[in-house]
C-alpha atoms as a PDB file:
ATOM      1  CA  MET A   1      -9.109   9.824 -32.940  1.00  0.00           C
ATOM      2  CA  LYS A   2     -11.023   7.268 -34.914  1.00  0.00           C
ATOM      3  CA  LYS A   3     -14.020   5.582 -33.355  1.00  0.00           C
ATOM      4  CA  GLU A   4     -12.525   2.111 -33.944  1.00  0.00           C
ATOM      5  CA  LEU A   5      -9.379   3.025 -32.024  1.00  0.00           C
ATOM      6  CA  ILE A   6     -11.379   4.480 -29.142  1.00  0.00           C
ATOM      7  CA  THR A   7     -13.519   1.348 -29.005  1.00  0.00           C
ATOM      8  CA  LYS A   8     -10.411  -0.868 -28.988  1.00  0.00           C
ATOM      9  CA  LEU A   9      -8.700   1.148 -26.243  1.00  0.00           C
ATOM     10  CA  HIS A  10     -11.856   1.131 -24.127  1.00  0.00           C
ATOM     11  CA  GLY A  11     -12.109  -2.649 -24.500  1.00  0.00           C
ATOM     12  CA  ASP A  12      -8.432  -3.096 -23.610  1.00  0.00           C
ATOM     13  CA  PHE A  13      -8.912  -0.882 -20.548  1.00  0.00           C
ATOM     14  CA  GLU A  14     -11.945  -2.851 -19.359  1.00  0.00           C
ATOM     15  CA  ASN A  15     -10.149  -6.171 -19.960  1.00  0.00           C
ATOM     16  CA  CYS A  16      -7.347  -5.079 -17.589  1.00  0.00           C
ATOM     17  CA  ALA A  17      -9.800  -4.599 -14.727  1.00  0.00           C
ATOM     18  CA  GLN A  18      -9.408  -6.690 -11.580  1.00  0.00           C
ATOM     19  CA  THR A  19     -12.036  -7.231  -8.884  1.00  0.00           C
ATOM     20  CA  LYS A  20     -11.494  -7.818  -5.181  1.00  0.00           C
ATOM     21  CA  GLU A  21     -14.272  -7.859  -2.612  1.00  0.00           C
ATOM     22  CA  GLY A  22     -16.601  -6.273  -5.165  1.00  0.00           C
ATOM     23  CA  ILE A  23     -14.211  -3.381  -5.893  1.00  0.00           C
ATOM     24  CA  GLU A  24     -13.074  -2.888  -9.484  1.00  0.00           C
ATOM     25  CA  TYR A  25      -9.482  -1.714  -9.889  1.00  0.00           C
ATOM     26  CA  TRP A  26      -6.533  -1.620 -12.283  1.00  0.00           C
ATOM     27  CA  TYR A  27      -2.825  -2.082 -11.724  1.00  0.00           C
ATOM     28  CA  ALA A  28      -0.913   1.020 -12.773  1.00  0.00           C
ATOM     29  CA  ARG A  29       1.875  -0.992 -14.406  1.00  0.00           C
ATOM     30  CA  GLU A  30      -0.645  -2.677 -16.703  1.00  0.00           C
ATOM     31  CA  LEU A  31      -2.184   0.679 -17.622  1.00  0.00           C
ATOM     32  CA  GLN A  32       1.296   2.063 -18.200  1.00  0.00           C
ATOM     33  CA  GLU A  33       1.825  -0.412 -21.021  1.00  0.00           C
ATOM     34  CA  LEU A  34      -1.693   0.022 -22.368  1.00  0.00           C
ATOM     35  CA  LEU A  35      -1.213   3.793 -22.573  1.00  0.00           C
ATOM     36  CA  GLY A  36       2.194   3.509 -24.245  1.00  0.00           C
ATOM     37  CA  TYR A  37       4.475   4.663 -21.424  1.00  0.00           C
ATOM     38  CA  THR A  38       7.781   2.809 -21.630  1.00  0.00           C
ATOM     39  CA  GLU A  39       9.189   3.925 -18.280  1.00  0.00           C
ATOM     40  CA  TRP A  40       7.562   3.614 -14.873  1.00  0.00           C
ATOM     41  CA  ARG A  41       9.124   6.872 -13.648  1.00  0.00           C
ATOM     42  CA  ASN A  42       7.370   8.797 -16.421  1.00  0.00           C
ATOM     43  CA  PHE A  43       4.039   7.134 -15.709  1.00  0.00           C
ATOM     44  CA  THR A  44       4.275   7.935 -11.998  1.00  0.00           C
ATOM     45  CA  LEU A  45       4.250  11.626 -12.967  1.00  0.00           C
ATOM     46  CA  VAL A  46       0.874  11.043 -14.631  1.00  0.00           C
ATOM     47  CA  ILE A  47      -0.349   9.244 -11.520  1.00  0.00           C
ATOM     48  CA  ASP A  48       0.791  12.162  -9.352  1.00  0.00           C
ATOM     49  CA  LYS A  49      -1.335  14.515 -11.479  1.00  0.00           C
ATOM     50  CA  ALA A  50      -4.289  12.134 -11.172  1.00  0.00           C
ATOM     51  CA  LYS A  51      -3.890  12.153  -7.383  1.00  0.00           C
ATOM     52  CA  ILE A  52      -4.085  15.950  -7.389  1.00  0.00           C
ATOM     53  CA  ALA A  53      -7.226  15.821  -9.554  1.00  0.00           C
ATOM     54  CA  CYS A  54      -8.738  13.248  -7.199  1.00  0.00           C
ATOM     55  CA  LYS A  55      -8.052  15.434  -4.165  1.00  0.00           C
ATOM     56  CA  ASN A  56      -9.366  18.555  -5.933  1.00  0.00           C
ATOM     57  CA  ALA A  57     -12.576  16.654  -6.752  1.00  0.00           C
ATOM     58  CA  GLY A  58     -13.066  16.030  -3.046  1.00  0.00           C
ATOM     59  CA  HIS A  59     -12.260  12.314  -3.053  1.00  0.00           C
ATOM     60  CA  PRO A  60      -9.842  10.739  -0.565  1.00  0.00           C
ATOM     61  CA  VAL A  61      -6.686   9.920  -2.523  1.00  0.00           C
ATOM     62  CA  GLU A  62      -5.933   6.893  -0.329  1.00  0.00           C
ATOM     63  CA  ASP A  63      -9.251   5.316  -1.392  1.00  0.00           C
ATOM     64  CA  HIS A  64      -8.348   5.356  -5.096  1.00  0.00           C
ATOM     65  CA  PHE A  65      -4.549   4.999  -5.176  1.00  0.00           C
ATOM     66  CA  VAL A  66      -3.365   2.059  -3.071  1.00  0.00           C
ATOM     67  CA  ASP A  67       0.333   1.200  -3.005  1.00  0.00           C
ATOM     68  CA  VAL A  68       0.911  -2.518  -3.605  1.00  0.00           C
ATOM     69  CA  ASN A  69       3.791  -4.774  -4.556  1.00  0.00           C
ATOM     70  CA  LYS A  70       3.743  -7.502  -7.158  1.00  0.00           C
ATOM     71  CA  MET A  71       6.113 -10.100  -8.472  1.00  0.00           C
ATOM     72  CA  VAL A  72       7.467  -9.804 -12.018  1.00  0.00           C
ATOM     73  CA  ASP A  73       9.586 -12.151 -14.099  1.00  0.00           C
ATOM     74  CA  VAL A  74      13.180 -10.987 -14.503  1.00  0.00           C
ATOM     75  CA  GLY A  75      14.552 -13.822 -16.608  1.00  0.00           C
ATOM     76  CA  SER A  76      15.715 -17.397 -16.193  1.00  0.00           C
ATOM     77  CA  GLY A  77      12.600 -18.152 -14.172  1.00  0.00           C
ATOM     78  CA  ALA A  78      13.482 -15.682 -11.424  1.00  0.00           C
ATOM     79  CA  GLN A  79      11.087 -13.106 -10.043  1.00  0.00           C
ATOM     80  CA  ARG A  80      11.432  -9.934  -8.039  1.00  0.00           C
ATOM     81  CA  GLU A  81       9.043  -7.655  -6.232  1.00  0.00           C
ATOM     82  CA  VAL A  82       8.254  -4.254  -7.756  1.00  0.00           C
ATOM     83  CA  PRO A  83       6.081  -1.423  -6.490  1.00  0.00           C
ATOM     84  CA  ASP A  84       2.722  -0.900  -8.192  1.00  0.00           C
ATOM     85  CA  ILE A  85      -0.462   1.029  -7.506  1.00  0.00           C
ATOM     86  CA  ALA A  86      -4.021  -0.290  -7.486  1.00  0.00           C
ATOM     87  CA  LEU A  87      -6.282   2.353  -9.032  1.00  0.00           C
ATOM     88  CA  THR A  88     -10.064   2.563  -8.671  1.00  0.00           C
ATOM     89  CA  ARG A  89     -12.732   4.641 -10.346  1.00  0.00           C
ATOM     90  CA  TYR A  90     -14.614   7.321  -8.492  1.00  0.00           C
ATOM     91  CA  PRO A  91     -16.627   7.044  -6.264  1.00  0.00           C
ATOM     92  CA  HIS A  92     -15.609   3.557  -5.178  1.00  0.00           C
ATOM     93  CA  ALA A  93     -13.283   3.028  -2.238  1.00  0.00           C
ATOM     94  CA  TRP A  94     -11.337   0.048  -0.867  1.00  0.00           C
END
C-alpha cells in the first residue's frame, strides 16, 4: 500500500472520531463506509472478530463496544432509528 494512501486513510479515520466525556470513540457505521463495506451485516462479522480479539487481549468487551442507536435519513425528510456500535481504542473505557 502506498504511503499516500495510508496517510489519507489514517486522516479519514481520525476525522471520524467523536469525543464524549473525554472518551474518544467511532461509530461503526461510519467506519463501515470508510473501510469500504457496503452492507452492515458483513461489517458486523468484522466487529465480532474484533470483540474476540479484545477479549483475548484481556480487555472488557463491554468497555470498547457499546451498542447505541442513531437516527438516519430514509428519504423525503423522514428518519428512522438504526442500531450502531460506539467503538473505543484500548485501553480506554466508557
